Amino acid sequence: MTVRLNKDALALARKLVQDGEVVRDERDDWSEHAPSTADENAFIEKHGMAEFAKWHLGEDTDETEGTKGRLKFPYGDFRSVHRCAVISGESRAGQYDHTSIENALRGLLADIDGDRS
């Protein structure tokens, strides 16, 4: 599996954080806050797969282009960045040695928490 950083998604996430579009929840909240499959499908139908991809920091280049299976590391709910998704994704990216994604998520978390020097 080759997972690369989705730079368009990172740019959107940074802008959302800068604009204050953040839900400052706790790590374990993502299972409850993550969009459902129905929410994902409705978003794709309304906005298209390219916009859906901007809500995922990872792209598995081994998967078929234009499919949900290609997209990894969601960070929000199509409105806001969720702190819990960022924390969860950072941990998972580190576990699977996706360093660029782990670093991007660590930077987002620092921005959310106001820890960026």
PDB file of N, CA and C in Angstrom:
ATOM      1  N   MET A   1       0.852  -1.178   0.000  1.00  0.00           N
ATOM      2  CA  MET A   1       0.000   0.000   0.000  1.00  0.00           C
ATOM      3  C   MET A   1       0.895   1.238   0.000  1.00  0.00           C
ATOM      4  N   THR A   2       0.655   2.119  -0.957  1.00  0.00           N
ATOM      5  CA  THR A   2       1.367   3.383  -1.038  1.00  0.00           C
ATOM      6  C   THR A   2       0.381   4.501  -0.729  1.00  0.00           C
ATOM      7  N   VAL A   3       0.564   5.135   0.423  1.00  0.00           N
ATOM      8  CA  VAL A   3      -0.329   6.222   0.826  1.00  0.00           C
ATOM      9  C   VAL A   3       0.468   7.514   0.822  1.00  0.00           C
ATOM     10  N   ARG A   4      -0.029   8.469   0.039  1.00  0.00           N
ATOM     11  CA  ARG A   4       0.664   9.761  -0.055  1.00  0.00           C
ATOM     12  C   ARG A   4      -0.208  10.856   0.554  1.00  0.00           C
ATOM     13  N   LEU A   5       0.452  11.927   0.944  1.00  0.00           N
ATOM     14  CA  LEU A   5      -0.230  13.071   1.526  1.00  0.00           C
ATOM     15  C   LEU A   5      -1.035  13.792   0.456  1.00  0.00           C
ATOM     16  N   ASN A   6      -2.283  14.073   0.762  1.00  0.00           N
ATOM     17  CA  ASN A   6      -3.162  14.838  -0.120  1.00  0.00           C
ATOM     18  C   ASN A   6      -2.975  16.317   0.242  1.00  0.00           C
ATOM     19  N   LYS A   7      -2.185  17.020  -0.550  1.00  0.00           N
ATOM     20  CA  LYS A   7      -1.831  18.409  -0.248  1.00  0.00           C
ATOM     21  C   LYS A   7      -3.036  19.350  -0.332  1.00  0.00           C
ATOM     22  N   ASP A   8      -3.984  19.048  -1.212  1.00  0.00           N
ATOM     23  CA  ASP A   8      -5.202  19.870  -1.288  1.00  0.00           C
ATOM     24  C   ASP A   8      -6.013  19.747  -0.005  1.00  0.00           C
ATOM     25  N   ALA A   9      -6.063  18.540   0.537  1.00  0.00           N
ATOM     26  CA  ALA A   9      -6.786  18.317   1.790  1.00  0.00           C
ATOM     27  C   ALA A   9      -6.093  19.044   2.938  1.00  0.00           C
ATOM     28  N   LEU A  10      -4.774  18.990   2.960  1.00  0.00           N
ATOM     29  CA  LEU A  10      -4.032  19.672   4.021  1.00  0.00           C
ATOM     30  C   LEU A  10      -4.264  21.182   3.944  1.00  0.00           C
ATOM     31  N   ALA A  11      -4.277  21.727   2.745  1.00  0.00           N
ATOM     32  CA  ALA A  11      -4.522  23.169   2.590  1.00  0.00           C
ATOM     33  C   ALA A  11      -5.918  23.537   3.106  1.00  0.00           C
ATOM     34  N   LEU A  12      -6.915  22.729   2.780  1.00  0.00           N
ATOM     35  CA  LEU A  12      -8.268  22.990   3.272  1.00  0.00           C
ATOM     36  C   LEU A  12      -8.327  22.881   4.793  1.00  0.00           C
ATOM     37  N   ALA A  13      -7.720  21.848   5.335  1.00  0.00           N
ATOM     38  CA  ALA A  13      -7.734  21.656   6.789  1.00  0.00           C
ATOM     39  C   ALA A  13      -7.075  22.844   7.494  1.00  0.00           C
ATOM     40  N   ARG A  14      -5.947  23.290   6.996  1.00  0.00           N
ATOM     41  CA  ARG A  14      -5.258  24.443   7.599  1.00  0.00           C
ATOM     42  C   ARG A  14      -6.128  25.697   7.544  1.00  0.00           C
ATOM     43  N   LYS A  15      -6.799  25.913   6.402  1.00  0.00           N
ATOM     44  CA  LYS A  15      -7.666  27.078   6.268  1.00  0.00           C
ATOM     45  C   LYS A  15      -8.829  26.993   7.251  1.00  0.00           C
ATOM     46  N   LEU A  16      -9.422  25.825   7.378  1.00  0.00           N
ATOM     47  CA  LEU A  16     -10.536  25.655   8.317  1.00  0.00           C
ATOM     48  C   LEU A  16     -10.088  25.931   9.755  1.00  0.00           C
ATOM     49  N   VAL A  17      -8.923  25.422  10.118  1.00  0.00           N
ATOM     50  CA  VAL A  17      -8.404  25.668  11.470  1.00  0.00           C
ATOM     51  C   VAL A  17      -8.150  27.157  11.653  1.00  0.00           C
ATOM     52  N   GLN A  18      -7.534  27.788  10.677  1.00  0.00           N
ATOM     53  CA  GLN A  18      -7.254  29.229  10.745  1.00  0.00           C
ATOM     54  C   GLN A  18      -8.547  30.029  10.890  1.00  0.00           C
ATOM     55  N   ASP A  19      -9.602  29.582  10.207  1.00  0.00           N
ATOM     56  CA  ASP A  19     -10.895  30.267  10.255  1.00  0.00           C
ATOM     57  C   ASP A  19     -11.731  29.905  11.486  1.00  0.00           C
ATOM     58  N   GLY A  20     -11.188  29.025  12.339  1.00  0.00           N
ATOM     59  CA  GLY A  20     -11.895  28.647  13.558  1.00  0.00           C
ATOM     60  C   GLY A  20     -12.962  27.590  13.368  1.00  0.00           C
ATOM     61  N   GLU A  21     -12.953  26.929  12.219  1.00  0.00           N
ATOM     62  CA  GLU A  21     -13.932  25.871  11.946  1.00  0.00           C
ATOM     63  C   GLU A  21     -13.414  24.555  12.526  1.00  0.00           C
ATOM     64  N   VAL A  22     -13.412  24.476  13.866  1.00  0.00           N
ATOM     65  CA  VAL A  22     -12.839  23.339  14.580  1.00  0.00           C
ATOM     66  C   VAL A  22     -13.793  22.896  15.675  1.00  0.00           C
ATOM     67  N   VAL A  23     -13.946  21.590  15.804  1.00  0.00           N
ATOM     68  CA  VAL A  23     -14.658  21.007  16.937  1.00  0.00           C
ATOM     69  C   VAL A  23     -13.575  20.479  17.863  1.00  0.00           C
ATOM     70  N   ARG A  24     -13.484  21.072  19.049  1.00  0.00           N
ATOM     71  CA  ARG A  24     -12.424  20.710  19.997  1.00  0.00           C
ATOM     72  C   ARG A  24     -12.918  19.590  20.919  1.00  0.00           C
ATOM     73  N   ASP A  25     -13.007  18.422  20.333  1.00  0.00           N
ATOM     74  CA  ASP A  25     -13.511  17.265  21.053  1.00  0.00           C
ATOM     75  C   ASP A  25     -12.346  16.403  21.544  1.00  0.00           C
ATOM     76  N   GLU A  26     -12.664  15.296  22.147  1.00  0.00           N
ATOM     77  CA  GLU A  26     -11.652  14.405  22.712  1.00  0.00           C
ATOM     78  C   GLU A  26     -11.364  13.242  21.770  1.00  0.00           C
ATOM     79  N   ARG A  27     -10.227  12.628  21.931  1.00  0.00           N
ATOM     80  CA  ARG A  27      -9.733  11.576  21.049  1.00  0.00           C
ATOM     81  C   ARG A  27     -10.781  10.511  20.714  1.00  0.00           C
ATOM     82  N   ASP A  28     -11.437   9.981  21.696  1.00  0.00           N
ATOM     83  CA  ASP A  28     -12.334   8.847  21.483  1.00  0.00           C
ATOM     84  C   ASP A  28     -13.684   9.250  20.898  1.00  0.00           C
ATOM     85  N   ASP A  29     -13.903  10.522  20.617  1.00  0.00           N
ATOM     86  CA  ASP A  29     -15.185  10.979  20.088  1.00  0.00           C
ATOM     87  C   ASP A  29     -15.359  10.706  18.596  1.00  0.00           C
ATOM     88  N   TRP A  30     -14.280  10.415  17.875  1.00  0.00           N
ATOM     89  CA  TRP A  30     -14.378  10.298  16.427  1.00  0.00           C
ATOM     90  C   TRP A  30     -15.340   9.192  15.986  1.00  0.00           C
ATOM     91  N   SER A  31     -15.414   8.102  16.722  1.00  0.00           N
ATOM     92  CA  SER A  31     -16.328   7.026  16.317  1.00  0.00           C
ATOM     93  C   SER A  31     -17.771   7.514  16.309  1.00  0.00           C
ATOM     94  N   GLU A  32     -18.090   8.481  17.143  1.00  0.00           N
ATOM     95  CA  GLU A  32     -19.442   9.043  17.175  1.00  0.00           C
ATOM     96  C   GLU A  32     -19.591  10.244  16.241  1.00  0.00           C
ATOM     97  N   HIS A  33     -18.519  10.971  15.996  1.00  0.00           N
ATOM     98  CA  HIS A  33     -18.588  12.208  15.216  1.00  0.00           C
ATOM     99  C   HIS A  33     -18.318  12.013  13.733  1.00  0.00           C
ATOM    100  N   ALA A  34     -17.727  10.892  13.364  1.00  0.00           N
ATOM    101  CA  ALA A  34     -17.403  10.642  11.957  1.00  0.00           C
ATOM    102  C   ALA A  34     -18.673  10.584  11.114  1.00  0.00           C
ATOM    103  N   PRO A  35     -18.618  11.117   9.907  1.00  0.00           N
ATOM    104  CA  PRO A  35     -19.791  11.034   9.022  1.00  0.00           C
ATOM    105  C   PRO A  35     -20.160   9.575   8.740  1.00  0.00           C
ATOM    106  N   SER A  36     -21.430   9.326   8.662  1.00  0.00           N
ATOM    107  CA  SER A  36     -21.910   7.975   8.327  1.00  0.00           C
ATOM    108  C   SER A  36     -21.709   7.730   6.835  1.00  0.00           C
ATOM    109  N   THR A  37     -21.861   6.489   6.429  1.00  0.00           N
ATOM    110  CA  THR A  37     -21.774   6.161   5.012  1.00  0.00           C
ATOM    111  C   THR A  37     -22.820   6.946   4.220  1.00  0.00           C
ATOM    112  N   ALA A  38     -24.018   7.068   4.772  1.00  0.00           N
ATOM    113  CA  ALA A  38     -25.078   7.837   4.101  1.00  0.00           C
ATOM    114  C   ALA A  38     -24.678   9.304   3.964  1.00  0.00           C
ATOM    115  N   ASP A  39     -24.060   9.874   5.013  1.00  0.00           N
ATOM    116  CA  ASP A  39     -23.589  11.265   4.946  1.00  0.00           C
ATOM    117  C   ASP A  39     -22.506  11.413   3.871  1.00  0.00           C
ATOM    118  N   GLU A  40     -21.585  10.455   3.830  1.00  0.00           N
ATOM    119  CA  GLU A  40     -20.533  10.493   2.816  1.00  0.00           C
ATOM    120  C   GLU A  40     -21.129  10.446   1.409  1.00  0.00           C
ATOM    121  N   ASN A  41     -22.047   9.512   1.194  1.00  0.00           N
ATOM    122  CA  ASN A  41     -22.645   9.361  -0.135  1.00  0.00           C
ATOM    123  C   ASN A  41     -23.432  10.600  -0.546  1.00  0.00           C
ATOM    124  N   ALA A  42     -24.136  11.199   0.401  1.00  0.00           N
ATOM    125  CA  ALA A  42     -24.892  12.424   0.113  1.00  0.00           C
ATOM    126  C   ALA A  42     -23.937  13.562  -0.248  1.00  0.00           C
ATOM    127  N   PHE A  43     -22.825  13.670   0.475  1.00  0.00           N
ATOM    128  CA  PHE A  43     -21.835  14.703   0.180  1.00  0.00           C
ATOM    129  C   PHE A  43     -21.262  14.504  -1.224  1.00  0.00           C
ATOM    130  N   ILE A  44     -20.907  13.257  -1.547  1.00  0.00           N
ATOM    131  CA  ILE A  44     -20.350  12.959  -2.871  1.00  0.00           C
ATOM    132  C   ILE A  44     -21.362  13.291  -3.963  1.00  0.00           C
ATOM    133  N   GLU A  45     -22.604  12.926  -3.752  1.00  0.00           N
ATOM    134  CA  GLU A  45     -23.630  13.196  -4.757  1.00  0.00           C
ATOM    135  C   GLU A  45     -23.797  14.702  -4.988  1.00  0.00           C
ATOM    136  N   LYS A  46     -23.728  15.468  -3.927  1.00  0.00           N
ATOM    137  CA  LYS A  46     -23.934  16.916  -4.024  1.00  0.00           C
ATOM    138  C   LYS A  46     -22.683  17.654  -4.521  1.00  0.00           C
ATOM    139  N   HIS A  47     -21.489  17.228  -4.054  1.00  0.00           N
ATOM    140  CA  HIS A  47     -20.264  17.994  -4.307  1.00  0.00           C
ATOM    141  C   HIS A  47     -19.244  17.290  -5.197  1.00  0.00           C
ATOM    142  N   GLY A  48     -19.374  15.987  -5.357  1.00  0.00           N
ATOM    143  CA  GLY A  48     -18.436  15.233  -6.190  1.00  0.00           C
ATOM    144  C   GLY A  48     -17.288  14.624  -5.402  1.00  0.00           C
ATOM    145  N   MET A  49     -16.634  13.673  -6.044  1.00  0.00           N
ATOM    146  CA  MET A  49     -15.547  12.927  -5.403  1.00  0.00           C
ATOM    147  C   MET A  49     -14.323  13.803  -5.136  1.00  0.00           C
ATOM    148  N   ALA A  50     -14.045  14.768  -6.000  1.00  0.00           N
ATOM    149  CA  ALA A  50     -12.876  15.625  -5.791  1.00  0.00           C
ATOM    150  C   ALA A  50     -13.006  16.430  -4.498  1.00  0.00           C
ATOM    151  N   GLU A  51     -14.201  16.918  -4.201  1.00  0.00           N
ATOM    152  CA  GLU A  51     -14.418  17.659  -2.951  1.00  0.00           C
ATOM    153  C   GLU A  51     -14.389  16.713  -1.754  1.00  0.00           C
ATOM    154  N   PHE A  52     -14.929  15.528  -1.928  1.00  0.00           N
ATOM    155  CA  PHE A  52     -14.888  14.517  -0.866  1.00  0.00           C
ATOM    156  C   PHE A  52     -13.433  14.186  -0.511  1.00  0.00           C
ATOM    157  N   ALA A  53     -12.589  14.088  -1.532  1.00  0.00           N
ATOM    158  CA  ALA A  53     -11.179  13.763  -1.310  1.00  0.00           C
ATOM    159  C   ALA A  53     -10.475  14.817  -0.460  1.00  0.00           C
ATOM    160  N   LYS A  54     -10.925  16.065  -0.539  1.00  0.00           N
ATOM    161  CA  LYS A  54     -10.295  17.136   0.242  1.00  0.00           C
ATOM    162  C   LYS A  54     -10.526  16.987   1.738  1.00  0.00           C
ATOM    163  N   TRP A  55     -11.350  16.057   2.144  1.00  0.00           N
ATOM    164  CA  TRP A  55     -11.598  15.798   3.562  1.00  0.00           C
ATOM    165  C   TRP A  55     -10.812  14.592   4.058  1.00  0.00           C
ATOM    166  N   HIS A  56      -9.817  14.165   3.270  1.00  0.00           N
ATOM    167  CA  HIS A  56      -8.981  13.010   3.619  1.00  0.00           C
ATOM    168  C   HIS A  56      -7.523  13.365   3.348  1.00  0.00           C
ATOM    169  N   LEU A  57      -6.678  13.240   4.353  1.00  0.00           N
ATOM    170  CA  LEU A  57      -5.282  13.631   4.201  1.00  0.00           C
ATOM    171  C   LEU A  57      -4.431  12.586   3.504  1.00  0.00           C
ATOM    172  N   GLY A  58      -4.945  11.382   3.326  1.00  0.00           N
ATOM    173  CA  GLY A  58      -4.181  10.336   2.667  1.00  0.00           C
ATOM    174  C   GLY A  58      -4.875   9.811   1.430  1.00  0.00           C
ATOM    175  N   GLU A  59      -4.055   9.415   0.467  1.00  0.00           N
ATOM    176  CA  GLU A  59      -4.563   8.829  -0.768  1.00  0.00           C
ATOM    177  C   GLU A  59      -3.747   7.572  -1.054  1.00  0.00           C
ATOM    178  N   ASP A  60      -4.431   6.424  -1.085  1.00  0.00           N
ATOM    179  CA  ASP A  60      -3.785   5.146  -1.365  1.00  0.00           C
ATOM    180  C   ASP A  60      -3.716   4.971  -2.873  1.00  0.00           C
ATOM    181  N   THR A  61      -2.532   5.161  -3.432  1.00  0.00           N
ATOM    182  CA  THR A  61      -2.372   5.130  -4.881  1.00  0.00           C
ATOM    183  C   THR A  61      -2.508   3.730  -5.468  1.00  0.00           C
ATOM    184  N   ASP A  62      -2.569   2.716  -4.626  1.00  0.00           N
ATOM    185  CA  ASP A  62      -2.796   1.349  -5.108  1.00  0.00           C
ATOM    186  C   ASP A  62      -4.277   1.082  -5.357  1.00  0.00           C
ATOM    187  N   GLU A  63      -5.151   1.941  -4.830  1.00  0.00           N
ATOM    188  CA  GLU A  63      -6.597   1.781  -5.005  1.00  0.00           C
ATOM    189  C   GLU A  63      -7.069   2.548  -6.243  1.00  0.00           C
ATOM    190  N   THR A  64      -8.210   2.170  -6.748  1.00  0.00           N
ATOM    191  CA  THR A  64      -8.766   2.781  -7.950  1.00  0.00           C
ATOM    192  C   THR A  64      -9.079   4.257  -7.722  1.00  0.00           C
ATOM    193  N   GLU A  65      -8.633   5.079  -8.658  1.00  0.00           N
ATOM    194  CA  GLU A  65      -8.902   6.512  -8.584  1.00  0.00           C
ATOM    195  C   GLU A  65     -10.406   6.770  -8.664  1.00  0.00           C
ATOM    196  N   GLY A  66     -10.867   7.748  -7.880  1.00  0.00           N
ATOM    197  CA  GLY A  66     -12.279   8.113  -7.898  1.00  0.00           C
ATOM    198  C   GLY A  66     -13.163   7.232  -7.033  1.00  0.00           C
ATOM    199  N   THR A  67     -12.538   6.447  -6.132  1.00  0.00           N
ATOM    200  CA  THR A  67     -13.315   5.599  -5.227  1.00  0.00           C
ATOM    201  C   THR A  67     -13.050   5.993  -3.778  1.00  0.00           C
ATOM    202  N   LYS A  68     -14.008   5.700  -2.922  1.00  0.00           N
ATOM    203  CA  LYS A  68     -13.841   5.994  -1.499  1.00  0.00           C
ATOM    204  C   LYS A  68     -12.707   5.171  -0.899  1.00  0.00           C
ATOM    205  N   GLY A  69     -12.462   3.984  -1.422  1.00  0.00           N
ATOM    206  CA  GLY A  69     -11.397   3.127  -0.905  1.00  0.00           C
ATOM    207  C   GLY A  69     -10.009   3.702  -1.079  1.00  0.00           C
ATOM    208  N   ARG A  70      -9.866   4.647  -1.970  1.00  0.00           N
ATOM    209  CA  ARG A  70      -8.571   5.286  -2.215  1.00  0.00           C
ATOM    210  C   ARG A  70      -8.230   6.315  -1.132  1.00  0.00           C
ATOM    211  N   LEU A  71      -9.238   6.783  -0.415  1.00  0.00           N
ATOM    212  CA  LEU A  71      -9.064   7.896   0.516  1.00  0.00           C
ATOM    213  C   LEU A  71      -8.906   7.413   1.954  1.00  0.00           C
ATOM    214  N   LYS A  72      -7.927   7.960   2.649  1.00  0.00           N
ATOM    215  CA  LYS A  72      -7.587   7.565   4.020  1.00  0.00           C
ATOM    216  C   LYS A  72      -7.436   8.826   4.888  1.00  0.00           C
ATOM    217  N   PHE A  73      -7.502   8.650   6.160  1.00  0.00           N
ATOM    218  CA  PHE A  73      -7.247   9.695   7.149  1.00  0.00           C
ATOM    219  C   PHE A  73      -8.198  10.891   7.047  1.00  0.00           C
ATOM    220  N   PRO A  74      -9.487  10.646   7.270  1.00  0.00           N
ATOM    221  CA  PRO A  74     -10.435  11.765   7.316  1.00  0.00           C
ATOM    222  C   PRO A  74     -10.141  12.643   8.531  1.00  0.00           C
ATOM    223  N   TYR A  75     -10.424  13.924   8.405  1.00  0.00           N
ATOM    224  CA  TYR A  75     -10.134  14.847   9.518  1.00  0.00           C
ATOM    225  C   TYR A  75     -11.332  15.689   9.932  1.00  0.00           C
ATOM    226  N   GLY A  76     -12.483  15.476   9.301  1.00  0.00           N
ATOM    227  CA  GLY A  76     -13.627  16.301   9.654  1.00  0.00           C
ATOM    228  C   GLY A  76     -14.934  15.759   9.137  1.00  0.00           C
ATOM    229  N   ASP A  77     -15.974  16.571   9.309  1.00  0.00           N
ATOM    230  CA  ASP A  77     -17.342  16.142   9.028  1.00  0.00           C
ATOM    231  C   ASP A  77     -17.977  16.906   7.869  1.00  0.00           C
ATOM    232  N   PHE A  78     -17.166  17.438   6.956  1.00  0.00           N
ATOM    233  CA  PHE A  78     -17.589  18.210   5.786  1.00  0.00           C
ATOM    234  C   PHE A  78     -18.011  19.635   6.139  1.00  0.00           C
ATOM    235  N   ARG A  79     -17.825  20.016   7.390  1.00  0.00           N
ATOM    236  CA  ARG A  79     -18.078  21.389   7.834  1.00  0.00           C
ATOM    237  C   ARG A  79     -16.895  21.905   8.651  1.00  0.00           C
ATOM    238  N   SER A  80     -16.381  21.053   9.531  1.00  0.00           N
ATOM    239  CA  SER A  80     -15.351  21.459  10.493  1.00  0.00           C
ATOM    240  C   SER A  80     -14.292  20.371  10.642  1.00  0.00           C
ATOM    241  N   VAL A  81     -13.112  20.812  11.055  1.00  0.00           N
ATOM    242  CA  VAL A  81     -12.052  19.884  11.456  1.00  0.00           C
ATOM    243  C   VAL A  81     -12.403  19.386  12.857  1.00  0.00           C
ATOM    244  N   HIS A  82     -12.281  18.092  13.077  1.00  0.00           N
ATOM    245  CA  HIS A  82     -12.524  17.529  14.398  1.00  0.00           C
ATOM    246  C   HIS A  82     -11.194  17.154  15.028  1.00  0.00           C
ATOM    247  N   ARG A  83     -10.945  17.711  16.191  1.00  0.00           N
ATOM    248  CA  ARG A  83      -9.706  17.420  16.923  1.00  0.00           C
ATOM    249  C   ARG A  83      -9.550  15.915  17.133  1.00  0.00           C
ATOM    250  N   CYS A  84     -10.654  15.231  17.423  1.00  0.00           N
ATOM    251  CA  CYS A  84     -10.597  13.791  17.665  1.00  0.00           C
ATOM    252  C   CYS A  84     -10.141  13.033  16.419  1.00  0.00           C
ATOM    253  N   ALA A  85     -10.544  13.480  15.238  1.00  0.00           N
ATOM    254  CA  ALA A  85     -10.124  12.823  13.996  1.00  0.00           C
ATOM    255  C   ALA A  85      -8.637  13.048  13.745  1.00  0.00           C
ATOM    256  N   VAL A  86      -8.166  14.253  14.060  1.00  0.00           N
ATOM    257  CA  VAL A  86      -6.758  14.581  13.878  1.00  0.00           C
ATOM    258  C   VAL A  86      -5.896  13.712  14.801  1.00  0.00           C
ATOM    259  N   ILE A  87      -6.291  13.586  16.056  1.00  0.00           N
ATOM    260  CA  ILE A  87      -5.545  12.763  17.013  1.00  0.00           C
ATOM    261  C   ILE A  87      -5.548  11.302  16.583  1.00  0.00           C
ATOM    262  N   SER A  88      -6.714  10.805  16.235  1.00  0.00           N
ATOM    263  CA  SER A  88      -6.837   9.412  15.808  1.00  0.00           C
ATOM    264  C   SER A  88      -6.000   9.146  14.560  1.00  0.00           C
ATOM    265  N   GLY A  89      -6.074  10.051  13.594  1.00  0.00           N
ATOM    266  CA  GLY A  89      -5.313   9.884  12.360  1.00  0.00           C
ATOM    267  C   GLY A  89      -3.817   9.943  12.574  1.00  0.00           C
ATOM    268  N   GLU A  90      -3.379  10.846  13.445  1.00  0.00           N
ATOM    269  CA  GLU A  90      -1.939  10.953  13.722  1.00  0.00           C
ATOM    270  C   GLU A  90      -1.405   9.643  14.294  1.00  0.00           C
ATOM    271  N   SER A  91      -2.140   9.074  15.224  1.00  0.00           N
ATOM    272  CA  SER A  91      -1.742   7.811  15.832  1.00  0.00           C
ATOM    273  C   SER A  91      -1.684   6.692  14.790  1.00  0.00           C
ATOM    274  N   ARG A  92      -2.709   6.602  13.971  1.00  0.00           N
ATOM    275  CA  ARG A  92      -2.786   5.554  12.947  1.00  0.00           C
ATOM    276  C   ARG A  92      -1.697   5.741  11.890  1.00  0.00           C
ATOM    277  N   ALA A  93      -1.445   6.980  11.480  1.00  0.00           N
ATOM    278  CA  ALA A  93      -0.398   7.239  10.488  1.00  0.00           C
ATOM    279  C   ALA A  93       0.968   6.819  11.035  1.00  0.00           C
ATOM    280  N   GLY A  94       1.220   7.110  12.303  1.00  0.00           N
ATOM    281  CA  GLY A  94       2.479   6.696  12.920  1.00  0.00           C
ATOM    282  C   GLY A  94       2.604   5.193  13.002  1.00  0.00           C
ATOM    283  N   GLN A  95       1.516   4.544  13.325  1.00  0.00           N
ATOM    284  CA  GLN A  95       1.497   3.083  13.440  1.00  0.00           C
ATOM    285  C   GLN A  95       1.871   2.412  12.118  1.00  0.00           C
ATOM    286  N   TYR A  96       1.448   3.008  10.998  1.00  0.00           N
ATOM    287  CA  TYR A  96       1.692   2.411   9.683  1.00  0.00           C
ATOM    288  C   TYR A  96       2.802   3.106   8.896  1.00  0.00           C
ATOM    289  N   ASP A  97       3.607   3.928   9.583  1.00  0.00           N
ATOM    290  CA  ASP A  97       4.774   4.589   8.991  1.00  0.00           C
ATOM    291  C   ASP A  97       4.444   5.494   7.808  1.00  0.00           C
ATOM    292  N   HIS A  98       3.334   6.208   7.906  1.00  0.00           N
ATOM    293  CA  HIS A  98       2.989   7.225   6.911  1.00  0.00           C
ATOM    294  C   HIS A  98       3.454   8.568   7.469  1.00  0.00           C
ATOM    295  N   THR A  99       4.760   8.771   7.424  1.00  0.00           N
ATOM    296  CA  THR A  99       5.405   9.885   8.110  1.00  0.00           C
ATOM    297  C   THR A  99       4.892  11.251   7.677  1.00  0.00           C
ATOM    298  N   SER A 100       4.712  11.465   6.381  1.00  0.00           N
ATOM    299  CA  SER A 100       4.271  12.783   5.920  1.00  0.00           C
ATOM    300  C   SER A 100       2.865  13.099   6.428  1.00  0.00           C
ATOM    301  N   ILE A 101       2.022  12.094   6.494  1.00  0.00           N
ATOM    302  CA  ILE A 101       0.668  12.296   6.995  1.00  0.00           C
ATOM    303  C   ILE A 101       0.694  12.484   8.506  1.00  0.00           C
ATOM    304  N   GLU A 102       1.492  11.695   9.189  1.00  0.00           N
ATOM    305  CA  GLU A 102       1.636  11.848  10.637  1.00  0.00           C
ATOM    306  C   GLU A 102       2.114  13.259  10.988  1.00  0.00           C
ATOM    307  N   ASN A 103       3.109  13.754  10.260  1.00  0.00           N
ATOM    308  CA  ASN A 103       3.637  15.094  10.526  1.00  0.00           C
ATOM    309  C   ASN A 103       2.605  16.176  10.226  1.00  0.00           C
ATOM    310  N   ALA A 104       1.852  16.005   9.141  1.00  0.00           N
ATOM    311  CA  ALA A 104       0.806  16.973   8.800  1.00  0.00           C
ATOM    312  C   ALA A 104      -0.258  17.019   9.897  1.00  0.00           C
ATOM    313  N   LEU A 105      -0.660  15.862  10.379  1.00  0.00           N
ATOM    314  CA  LEU A 105      -1.663  15.803  11.436  1.00  0.00           C
ATOM    315  C   LEU A 105      -1.121  16.358  12.750  1.00  0.00           C
ATOM    316  N   ARG A 106       0.129  16.108  13.050  1.00  0.00           N
ATOM    317  CA  ARG A 106       0.746  16.662  14.253  1.00  0.00           C
ATOM    318  C   ARG A 106       0.745  18.189  14.177  1.00  0.00           C
ATOM    319  N   GLY A 107       1.050  18.738  12.998  1.00  0.00           N
ATOM    320  CA  GLY A 107       1.023  20.185  12.821  1.00  0.00           C
ATOM    321  C   GLY A 107      -0.378  20.760  12.969  1.00  0.00           C
ATOM    322  N   LEU A 108      -1.372  20.064  12.417  1.00  0.00           N
ATOM    323  CA  LEU A 108      -2.760  20.515  12.577  1.00  0.00           C
ATOM    324  C   LEU A 108      -3.166  20.522  14.040  1.00  0.00           C
ATOM    325  N   LEU A 109      -2.791  19.467  14.751  1.00  0.00           N
ATOM    326  CA  LEU A 109      -3.130  19.396  16.175  1.00  0.00           C
ATOM    327  C   LEU A 109      -2.474  20.541  16.941  1.00  0.00           C
ATOM    328  N   ALA A 110      -1.228  20.849  16.613  1.00  0.00           N
ATOM    329  CA  ALA A 110      -0.543  21.977  17.261  1.00  0.00           C
ATOM    330  C   ALA A 110      -1.279  23.282  16.970  1.00  0.00           C
ATOM    331  N   ASP A 111      -1.737  23.432  15.738  1.00  0.00           N
ATOM    332  CA  ASP A 111      -2.489  24.647  15.389  1.00  0.00           C
ATOM    333  C   ASP A 111      -3.813  24.703  16.157  1.00  0.00           C
ATOM    334  N   ILE A 112      -4.490  23.590  16.239  1.00  0.00           N
ATOM    335  CA  ILE A 112      -5.773  23.534  16.958  1.00  0.00           C
ATOM    336  C   ILE A 112      -5.576  23.867  18.434  1.00  0.00           C
ATOM    337  N   ASP A 113      -4.537  23.286  19.015  1.00  0.00           N
ATOM    338  CA  ASP A 113      -4.292  23.468  20.446  1.00  0.00           C
ATOM    339  C   ASP A 113      -3.486  24.732  20.764  1.00  0.00           C
ATOM    340  N   GLY A 114      -3.064  25.454  19.736  1.00  0.00           N
ATOM    341  CA  GLY A 114      -2.318  26.692  19.959  1.00  0.00           C
ATOM    342  C   GLY A 114      -0.897  26.447  20.414  1.00  0.00           C
ATOM    343  N   ASP A 115      -0.320  25.291  20.030  1.00  0.00           N
ATOM    344  CA  ASP A 115       1.027  24.921  20.471  1.00  0.00           C
ATOM    345  C   ASP A 115       2.087  25.127  19.419  1.00  0.00           C
ATOM    346  N   ARG A 116       1.742  25.679  18.281  1.00  0.00           N
ATOM    347  CA  ARG A 116       2.719  25.826  17.196  1.00  0.00           C
ATOM    348  C   ARG A 116       3.642  26.979  17.533  1.00  0.00           C
ATOM    349  N   SER A 117       4.956  26.715  17.502  1.00  0.00           N
ATOM    350  CA  SER A 117       5.943  27.763  17.803  1.00  0.00           C
ATOM    351  C   SER A 117       6.313  28.506  16.559  1.00  0.00           C
TER     352      SER A 117
END
